[in-house]
Amino acid sequence: MTFYELLVFIHVFSAILGMGPGFVMIYIVTKATTMTELKHAYIIRNRLHIFVMVGGSLLLITGLLMGYLHPYLFEQGWYVTSLVLYLIALGFGPTVLSPRSKPIKALLKEHNGDEIPAEYFILSKKLFFFERIENVIFLIVIALMILKPF
């Protein structure tokens, strides 16, 4: 196995490790019916986010290393488009998702009682809208990586 083939292997596993859990993070919290369940669902979601961060970082690093080893990749439309879309999606975390998740975290911490407040549904709807956009971007990146259409 060459070093490049090893990078491809790590890249594919990183995609599974990093992106897979990211696609179910909304689903986990939408099934909660009480505040206790919702708080627990967010604990699970936060634990999964570690896999998303580690896998996502490895994905970027290995992808760039493959481009470094084979510079012609930077001339391929699918590679450049995937890289740009991936960087946009990564930028969603601190610029779009984090500001929308902070009020939810505060609500989960401060709320007493087991009924989920109406405010949560308003806040989560805004957060999940942008998470779905990010998931679509990641699906496009995956399709580009598989099909290499241009």
N, C-alpha and C. Protein backbone atom coordinates (compact mmCIF):
# COMPACT_ATOMS: atom_id res chain seq x y z
N MET A 1 0.85 -1.17 0.00
CA MET A 1 0.00 0.00 0.00
C MET A 1 0.91 1.24 0.00
N THR A 2 0.64 2.13 -0.95
CA THR A 2 1.41 3.37 -1.01
C THR A 2 0.90 4.35 0.04
N PHE A 3 1.67 5.40 0.28
CA PHE A 3 1.25 6.43 1.22
C PHE A 3 -0.05 7.09 0.75
N TYR A 4 -0.16 7.31 -0.55
CA TYR A 4 -1.37 7.91 -1.11
C TYR A 4 -2.58 7.00 -0.87
N GLU A 5 -2.41 5.70 -1.08
CA GLU A 5 -3.50 4.76 -0.85
C GLU A 5 -3.89 4.74 0.63
N LEU A 6 -2.91 4.87 1.51
CA LEU A 6 -3.20 4.96 2.94
C LEU A 6 -4.03 6.21 3.24
N LEU A 7 -3.66 7.32 2.60
CA LEU A 7 -4.43 8.56 2.78
C LEU A 7 -5.87 8.40 2.31
N VAL A 8 -6.05 7.73 1.17
CA VAL A 8 -7.41 7.49 0.66
C VAL A 8 -8.20 6.65 1.66
N PHE A 9 -7.56 5.62 2.19
CA PHE A 9 -8.19 4.75 3.19
C PHE A 9 -8.63 5.56 4.41
N ILE A 10 -7.72 6.37 4.95
CA ILE A 10 -8.03 7.21 6.11
C ILE A 10 -9.12 8.22 5.76
N HIS A 11 -9.05 8.76 4.55
CA HIS A 11 -10.02 9.74 4.09
C HIS A 11 -11.44 9.17 4.08
N VAL A 12 -11.58 7.96 3.54
CA VAL A 12 -12.90 7.33 3.46
C VAL A 12 -13.41 7.01 4.87
N PHE A 13 -12.55 6.45 5.72
CA PHE A 13 -12.97 6.17 7.09
C PHE A 13 -13.32 7.45 7.84
N SER A 14 -12.58 8.50 7.59
CA SER A 14 -12.86 9.79 8.24
C SER A 14 -14.21 10.33 7.80
N ALA A 15 -14.56 10.12 6.54
CA ALA A 15 -15.86 10.56 6.05
C ALA A 15 -16.98 9.83 6.77
N ILE A 16 -16.80 8.54 6.95
CA ILE A 16 -17.81 7.74 7.66
C ILE A 16 -17.88 8.18 9.12
N LEU A 17 -16.73 8.30 9.75
CA LEU A 17 -16.66 8.69 11.16
C LEU A 17 -17.17 10.11 11.40
N GLY A 18 -16.84 11.03 10.50
CA GLY A 18 -17.17 12.43 10.70
C GLY A 18 -18.53 12.83 10.19
N MET A 19 -18.90 12.32 9.04
CA MET A 19 -20.16 12.75 8.44
C MET A 19 -21.34 11.89 8.87
N GLY A 20 -21.11 10.62 9.04
CA GLY A 20 -22.21 9.72 9.42
C GLY A 20 -23.00 10.21 10.62
N PRO A 21 -22.34 10.42 11.76
CA PRO A 21 -23.08 10.89 12.94
C PRO A 21 -23.72 12.26 12.73
N GLY A 22 -23.10 13.08 11.90
CA GLY A 22 -23.65 14.42 11.65
C GLY A 22 -25.02 14.39 11.02
N PHE A 23 -25.29 13.36 10.23
CA PHE A 23 -26.58 13.26 9.55
C PHE A 23 -27.72 12.85 10.49
N VAL A 24 -27.41 12.32 11.67
CA VAL A 24 -28.48 11.88 12.58
C VAL A 24 -28.64 12.81 13.79
N MET A 25 -27.84 13.85 13.86
CA MET A 25 -27.86 14.70 15.06
C MET A 25 -29.20 15.41 15.26
N ILE A 26 -29.85 15.80 14.19
CA ILE A 26 -31.17 16.44 14.31
C ILE A 26 -32.19 15.40 14.78
N TYR A 27 -32.16 14.24 14.16
CA TYR A 27 -33.13 13.20 14.44
C TYR A 27 -33.11 12.80 15.93
N ILE A 28 -31.94 12.75 16.51
CA ILE A 28 -31.81 12.33 17.91
C ILE A 28 -32.61 13.23 18.85
N VAL A 29 -32.54 14.52 18.63
CA VAL A 29 -33.21 15.44 19.56
C VAL A 29 -34.68 15.68 19.20
N THR A 30 -35.07 15.41 17.97
CA THR A 30 -36.47 15.65 17.60
C THR A 30 -37.42 14.59 18.14
N LYS A 31 -36.90 13.49 18.61
CA LYS A 31 -37.76 12.42 19.14
C LYS A 31 -38.04 12.56 20.64
N ALA A 32 -37.43 13.53 21.28
CA ALA A 32 -37.65 13.75 22.72
C ALA A 32 -39.04 14.33 22.95
N THR A 33 -39.72 13.83 23.99
CA THR A 33 -41.06 14.32 24.29
C THR A 33 -41.13 15.04 25.64
N THR A 34 -40.10 14.89 26.45
CA THR A 34 -40.05 15.58 27.73
C THR A 34 -38.70 16.30 27.84
N MET A 35 -38.63 17.21 28.79
CA MET A 35 -37.38 17.95 28.98
C MET A 35 -36.25 17.01 29.42
N THR A 36 -36.56 16.01 30.21
CA THR A 36 -35.55 15.04 30.63
C THR A 36 -34.98 14.32 29.42
N GLU A 37 -35.87 13.85 28.54
CA GLU A 37 -35.42 13.18 27.32
C GLU A 37 -34.62 14.13 26.43
N LEU A 38 -35.07 15.37 26.33
CA LEU A 38 -34.40 16.35 25.49
C LEU A 38 -32.99 16.65 26.00
N LYS A 39 -32.85 16.81 27.30
CA LYS A 39 -31.52 17.05 27.88
C LYS A 39 -30.60 15.86 27.62
N HIS A 40 -31.13 14.67 27.78
CA HIS A 40 -30.34 13.47 27.52
C HIS A 40 -29.97 13.38 26.03
N ALA A 41 -30.92 13.71 25.17
CA ALA A 41 -30.66 13.67 23.73
C ALA A 41 -29.54 14.65 23.35
N TYR A 42 -29.52 15.81 24.01
CA TYR A 42 -28.45 16.78 23.72
C TYR A 42 -27.10 16.31 24.26
N ILE A 43 -27.11 15.56 25.34
CA ILE A 43 -25.86 14.96 25.83
C ILE A 43 -25.32 13.99 24.78
N ILE A 44 -26.20 13.15 24.24
CA ILE A 44 -25.79 12.21 23.20
C ILE A 44 -25.31 12.97 21.97
N ARG A 45 -26.04 13.99 21.60
CA ARG A 45 -25.68 14.81 20.45
C ARG A 45 -24.29 15.43 20.62
N ASN A 46 -24.00 15.93 21.80
CA ASN A 46 -22.69 16.52 22.07
C ASN A 46 -21.58 15.48 21.99
N ARG A 47 -21.85 14.28 22.45
CA ARG A 47 -20.85 13.20 22.36
C ARG A 47 -20.60 12.81 20.90
N LEU A 48 -21.65 12.75 20.11
CA LEU A 48 -21.50 12.45 18.69
C LEU A 48 -20.73 13.55 17.97
N HIS A 49 -20.89 14.77 18.45
CA HIS A 49 -20.21 15.90 17.81
C HIS A 49 -18.69 15.75 17.88
N ILE A 50 -18.19 15.06 18.88
CA ILE A 50 -16.74 14.80 18.97
C ILE A 50 -16.29 13.97 17.77
N PHE A 51 -17.07 12.94 17.41
CA PHE A 51 -16.75 12.13 16.23
C PHE A 51 -16.79 12.99 14.97
N VAL A 52 -17.77 13.87 14.90
CA VAL A 52 -17.91 14.75 13.74
C VAL A 52 -16.68 15.66 13.62
N MET A 53 -16.22 16.20 14.73
CA MET A 53 -15.07 17.10 14.69
C MET A 53 -13.78 16.36 14.33
N VAL A 54 -13.55 15.22 14.95
CA VAL A 54 -12.33 14.45 14.68
C VAL A 54 -12.34 13.94 13.24
N GLY A 55 -13.43 13.30 12.85
CA GLY A 55 -13.54 12.78 11.49
C GLY A 55 -13.48 13.89 10.45
N GLY A 56 -14.15 14.99 10.73
CA GLY A 56 -14.15 16.12 9.80
C GLY A 56 -12.77 16.74 9.64
N SER A 57 -12.03 16.82 10.72
CA SER A 57 -10.66 17.36 10.65
C SER A 57 -9.75 16.44 9.86
N LEU A 58 -9.83 15.13 10.14
CA LEU A 58 -9.03 14.17 9.39
C LEU A 58 -9.40 14.17 7.91
N LEU A 59 -10.65 14.37 7.64
CA LEU A 59 -11.13 14.42 6.26
C LEU A 59 -10.47 15.57 5.51
N LEU A 60 -10.45 16.73 6.11
CA LEU A 60 -9.83 17.89 5.48
C LEU A 60 -8.32 17.69 5.32
N ILE A 61 -7.68 17.23 6.38
CA ILE A 61 -6.21 17.05 6.35
C ILE A 61 -5.82 16.03 5.28
N THR A 62 -6.49 14.89 5.25
CA THR A 62 -6.13 13.86 4.26
C THR A 62 -6.46 14.33 2.85
N GLY A 63 -7.56 15.04 2.69
CA GLY A 63 -7.91 15.56 1.36
C GLY A 63 -6.87 16.54 0.84
N LEU A 64 -6.40 17.42 1.71
CA LEU A 64 -5.37 18.37 1.30
C LEU A 64 -4.03 17.68 1.04
N LEU A 65 -3.70 16.68 1.87
CA LEU A 65 -2.47 15.92 1.64
C LEU A 65 -2.50 15.18 0.30
N MET A 66 -3.65 14.64 -0.05
CA MET A 66 -3.76 13.97 -1.35
C MET A 66 -3.56 14.97 -2.47
N GLY A 67 -4.08 16.18 -2.30
CA GLY A 67 -3.86 17.22 -3.28
C GLY A 67 -2.41 17.65 -3.35
N TYR A 68 -1.75 17.67 -2.22
CA TYR A 68 -0.33 18.01 -2.18
C TYR A 68 0.50 16.96 -2.91
N LEU A 69 0.15 15.68 -2.70
CA LEU A 69 0.88 14.59 -3.36
C LEU A 69 0.57 14.50 -4.86
N HIS A 70 -0.65 14.87 -5.22
CA HIS A 70 -1.07 14.85 -6.63
C HIS A 70 -1.64 16.23 -6.97
N PRO A 71 -0.77 17.20 -7.25
CA PRO A 71 -1.21 18.58 -7.49
C PRO A 71 -2.22 18.74 -8.63
N TYR A 72 -2.26 17.78 -9.55
CA TYR A 72 -3.24 17.87 -10.63
C TYR A 72 -4.67 17.90 -10.09
N LEU A 73 -4.87 17.41 -8.87
CA LEU A 73 -6.22 17.44 -8.28
C LEU A 73 -6.74 18.86 -8.16
N PHE A 74 -5.85 19.82 -7.92
CA PHE A 74 -6.27 21.21 -7.80
C PHE A 74 -6.72 21.79 -9.15
N GLU A 75 -6.55 21.03 -10.22
CA GLU A 75 -7.03 21.43 -11.54
C GLU A 75 -8.36 20.75 -11.87
N GLN A 76 -8.79 19.83 -11.01
CA GLN A 76 -10.03 19.09 -11.23
C GLN A 76 -11.20 19.88 -10.60
N GLY A 77 -12.22 20.12 -11.40
CA GLY A 77 -13.37 20.89 -10.91
C GLY A 77 -14.06 20.25 -9.71
N TRP A 78 -14.23 18.94 -9.75
CA TRP A 78 -14.90 18.25 -8.64
C TRP A 78 -14.13 18.40 -7.34
N TYR A 79 -12.78 18.37 -7.43
CA TYR A 79 -11.95 18.47 -6.22
C TYR A 79 -12.02 19.88 -5.64
N VAL A 80 -11.85 20.87 -6.49
CA VAL A 80 -11.87 22.27 -6.03
C VAL A 80 -13.26 22.63 -5.49
N THR A 81 -14.31 22.22 -6.21
CA THR A 81 -15.67 22.50 -5.76
C THR A 81 -15.95 21.82 -4.43
N SER A 82 -15.52 20.57 -4.30
CA SER A 82 -15.71 19.84 -3.04
C SER A 82 -14.98 20.54 -1.89
N LEU A 83 -13.77 20.97 -2.15
CA LEU A 83 -12.98 21.64 -1.12
C LEU A 83 -13.63 22.95 -0.70
N VAL A 84 -14.08 23.73 -1.66
CA VAL A 84 -14.74 25.01 -1.35
C VAL A 84 -16.03 24.78 -0.56
N LEU A 85 -16.84 23.84 -1.02
CA LEU A 85 -18.10 23.54 -0.31
C LEU A 85 -17.82 23.02 1.09
N TYR A 86 -16.80 22.18 1.23
CA TYR A 86 -16.46 21.63 2.55
C TYR A 86 -16.03 22.75 3.49
N LEU A 87 -15.22 23.68 3.00
CA LEU A 87 -14.78 24.80 3.84
C LEU A 87 -15.95 25.70 4.22
N ILE A 88 -16.88 25.89 3.30
CA ILE A 88 -18.10 26.66 3.62
C ILE A 88 -18.87 25.95 4.73
N ALA A 89 -19.05 24.64 4.58
CA ALA A 89 -19.79 23.87 5.59
C ALA A 89 -19.07 23.92 6.94
N LEU A 90 -17.74 23.83 6.93
CA LEU A 90 -16.99 23.92 8.19
C LEU A 90 -17.16 25.30 8.83
N GLY A 91 -17.23 26.31 8.00
CA GLY A 91 -17.43 27.66 8.51
C GLY A 91 -18.80 27.86 9.14
N PHE A 92 -19.76 27.01 8.78
CA PHE A 92 -21.09 27.08 9.38
C PHE A 92 -21.03 26.91 10.90
N GLY A 93 -20.14 26.03 11.36
CA GLY A 93 -20.08 25.73 12.80
C GLY A 93 -19.94 26.98 13.65
N PRO A 94 -18.84 27.69 13.55
CA PRO A 94 -18.65 28.85 14.42
C PRO A 94 -19.47 30.08 14.03
N THR A 95 -19.82 30.23 12.74
CA THR A 95 -20.49 31.46 12.32
C THR A 95 -22.01 31.38 12.31
N VAL A 96 -22.56 30.20 12.06
CA VAL A 96 -24.01 30.06 11.91
C VAL A 96 -24.62 29.17 12.99
N LEU A 97 -24.02 27.99 13.19
CA LEU A 97 -24.63 27.01 14.11
C LEU A 97 -24.40 27.36 15.58
N SER A 98 -23.20 27.72 15.93
CA SER A 98 -22.89 28.03 17.33
C SER A 98 -23.75 29.16 17.90
N PRO A 99 -23.90 30.28 17.18
CA PRO A 99 -24.76 31.34 17.74
C PRO A 99 -26.22 30.91 17.91
N ARG A 100 -26.67 29.96 17.09
CA ARG A 100 -28.06 29.49 17.21
C ARG A 100 -28.21 28.37 18.24
N SER A 101 -27.11 27.71 18.59
CA SER A 101 -27.21 26.64 19.58
C SER A 101 -27.00 27.16 21.01
N LYS A 102 -26.33 28.28 21.17
CA LYS A 102 -26.09 28.81 22.52
C LYS A 102 -27.37 29.11 23.29
N PRO A 103 -28.38 29.74 22.67
CA PRO A 103 -29.63 29.95 23.43
C PRO A 103 -30.32 28.64 23.81
N ILE A 104 -30.19 27.63 22.98
CA ILE A 104 -30.79 26.32 23.29
C ILE A 104 -30.07 25.71 24.49
N LYS A 105 -28.74 25.77 24.49
CA LYS A 105 -27.97 25.23 25.61
C LYS A 105 -28.34 25.96 26.91
N ALA A 106 -28.50 27.27 26.83
CA ALA A 106 -28.87 28.05 28.02
C ALA A 106 -30.27 27.65 28.49
N LEU A 107 -31.19 27.48 27.57
CA LEU A 107 -32.56 27.07 27.90
C LEU A 107 -32.57 25.71 28.57
N LEU A 108 -31.79 24.76 28.04
CA LEU A 108 -31.72 23.42 28.63
C LEU A 108 -31.15 23.47 30.04
N LYS A 109 -30.21 24.35 30.26
CA LYS A 109 -29.57 24.46 31.56
C LYS A 109 -30.47 25.14 32.60
N GLU A 110 -31.21 26.14 32.17
CA GLU A 110 -31.98 26.97 33.11
C GLU A 110 -33.41 26.50 33.33
N HIS A 111 -33.97 25.76 32.39
CA HIS A 111 -35.39 25.41 32.46
C HIS A 111 -35.66 24.39 33.57
N ASN A 112 -36.70 24.66 34.34
CA ASN A 112 -37.17 23.72 35.38
C ASN A 112 -38.48 23.12 34.90
N GLY A 113 -38.69 21.90 35.26
CA GLY A 113 -39.90 21.20 34.83
C GLY A 113 -39.60 20.23 33.72
N ASP A 114 -40.58 19.39 33.42
CA ASP A 114 -40.35 18.34 32.43
C ASP A 114 -41.03 18.61 31.10
N GLU A 115 -41.78 19.72 31.02
CA GLU A 115 -42.42 20.07 29.76
C GLU A 115 -41.46 20.91 28.92
N ILE A 116 -41.36 20.56 27.66
CA ILE A 116 -40.49 21.30 26.76
C ILE A 116 -41.16 22.64 26.45
N PRO A 117 -40.48 23.75 26.73
CA PRO A 117 -41.10 25.06 26.49
C PRO A 117 -41.23 25.36 24.99
N ALA A 118 -42.24 26.16 24.66
CA ALA A 118 -42.49 26.53 23.26
C ALA A 118 -41.29 27.27 22.67
N GLU A 119 -40.57 28.00 23.49
CA GLU A 119 -39.39 28.74 23.02
C GLU A 119 -38.35 27.81 22.40
N TYR A 120 -38.23 26.61 22.97
CA TYR A 120 -37.27 25.65 22.44
C TYR A 120 -37.57 25.32 20.98
N PHE A 121 -38.84 25.10 20.67
CA PHE A 121 -39.21 24.71 19.31
C PHE A 121 -38.91 25.83 18.31
N ILE A 122 -39.08 27.06 18.73
CA ILE A 122 -38.74 28.20 17.87
C ILE A 122 -37.24 28.25 17.62
N LEU A 123 -36.47 28.12 18.70
CA LEU A 123 -35.01 28.16 18.59
C LEU A 123 -34.46 26.98 17.79
N SER A 124 -34.97 25.78 18.06
CA SER A 124 -34.45 24.59 17.39
C SER A 124 -34.81 24.59 15.91
N LYS A 125 -35.96 25.14 15.57
CA LYS A 125 -36.36 25.20 14.16
C LYS A 125 -35.34 26.01 13.36
N LYS A 126 -34.89 27.13 13.92
CA LYS A 126 -33.89 27.97 13.25
C LYS A 126 -32.55 27.23 13.13
N LEU A 127 -32.13 26.57 14.20
CA LEU A 127 -30.87 25.82 14.19
C LEU A 127 -30.93 24.68 13.18
N PHE A 128 -31.99 23.91 13.22
CA PHE A 128 -32.10 22.73 12.37
C PHE A 128 -32.21 23.10 10.89
N PHE A 129 -32.77 24.27 10.59
CA PHE A 129 -32.82 24.75 9.20
C PHE A 129 -31.41 24.84 8.63
N PHE A 130 -30.51 25.46 9.39
CA PHE A 130 -29.13 25.62 8.92
C PHE A 130 -28.35 24.30 8.97
N GLU A 131 -28.67 23.44 9.92
CA GLU A 131 -28.02 22.12 9.95
C GLU A 131 -28.42 21.31 8.73
N ARG A 132 -29.66 21.44 8.30
CA ARG A 132 -30.09 20.72 7.10
C ARG A 132 -29.38 21.26 5.85
N ILE A 133 -29.19 22.57 5.79
CA ILE A 133 -28.43 23.15 4.68
C ILE A 133 -27.02 22.58 4.68
N GLU A 134 -26.40 22.51 5.86
CA GLU A 134 -25.06 21.95 5.97
C GLU A 134 -25.04 20.49 5.52
N ASN A 135 -26.05 19.73 5.90
CA ASN A 135 -26.12 18.32 5.49
C ASN A 135 -26.25 18.19 3.97
N VAL A 136 -27.01 19.07 3.36
CA VAL A 136 -27.14 19.04 1.89
C VAL A 136 -25.79 19.35 1.25
N ILE A 137 -25.07 20.32 1.80
CA ILE A 137 -23.73 20.63 1.28
C ILE A 137 -22.84 19.39 1.37
N PHE A 138 -22.88 18.71 2.52
CA PHE A 138 -22.06 17.51 2.68
C PHE A 138 -22.48 16.41 1.71
N LEU A 139 -23.76 16.27 1.45
CA LEU A 139 -24.22 15.27 0.48
C LEU A 139 -23.71 15.60 -0.92
N ILE A 140 -23.69 16.88 -1.26
CA ILE A 140 -23.16 17.29 -2.56
C ILE A 140 -21.67 16.96 -2.64
N VAL A 141 -20.94 17.24 -1.55
CA VAL A 141 -19.50 16.92 -1.51
C VAL A 141 -19.29 15.42 -1.70
N ILE A 142 -20.07 14.62 -1.00
CA ILE A 142 -19.95 13.16 -1.14
C ILE A 142 -20.22 12.73 -2.57
N ALA A 143 -21.27 13.28 -3.17
CA ALA A 143 -21.59 12.94 -4.57
C ALA A 143 -20.45 13.33 -5.50
N LEU A 144 -19.88 14.50 -5.28
CA LEU A 144 -18.75 14.95 -6.12
C LEU A 144 -17.55 14.03 -5.97
N MET A 145 -17.29 13.59 -4.74
CA MET A 145 -16.15 12.69 -4.50
C MET A 145 -16.36 11.33 -5.17
N ILE A 146 -17.57 10.86 -5.19
CA ILE A 146 -17.85 9.55 -5.78
C ILE A 146 -17.89 9.64 -7.32
N LEU A 147 -18.62 10.62 -7.84
CA LEU A 147 -18.86 10.69 -9.27
C LEU A 147 -17.75 11.38 -10.06
N LYS A 148 -17.07 12.34 -9.42
CA LYS A 148 -16.02 13.12 -10.11
C LYS A 148 -16.51 13.58 -11.48
N PRO A 149 -17.64 14.33 -11.50
CA PRO A 149 -18.30 14.64 -12.78
C PRO A 149 -17.56 15.62 -13.69
N PHE A 150 -16.67 16.41 -13.13
CA PHE A 150 -15.96 17.40 -13.97
C PHE A 150 -14.61 17.71 -13.38
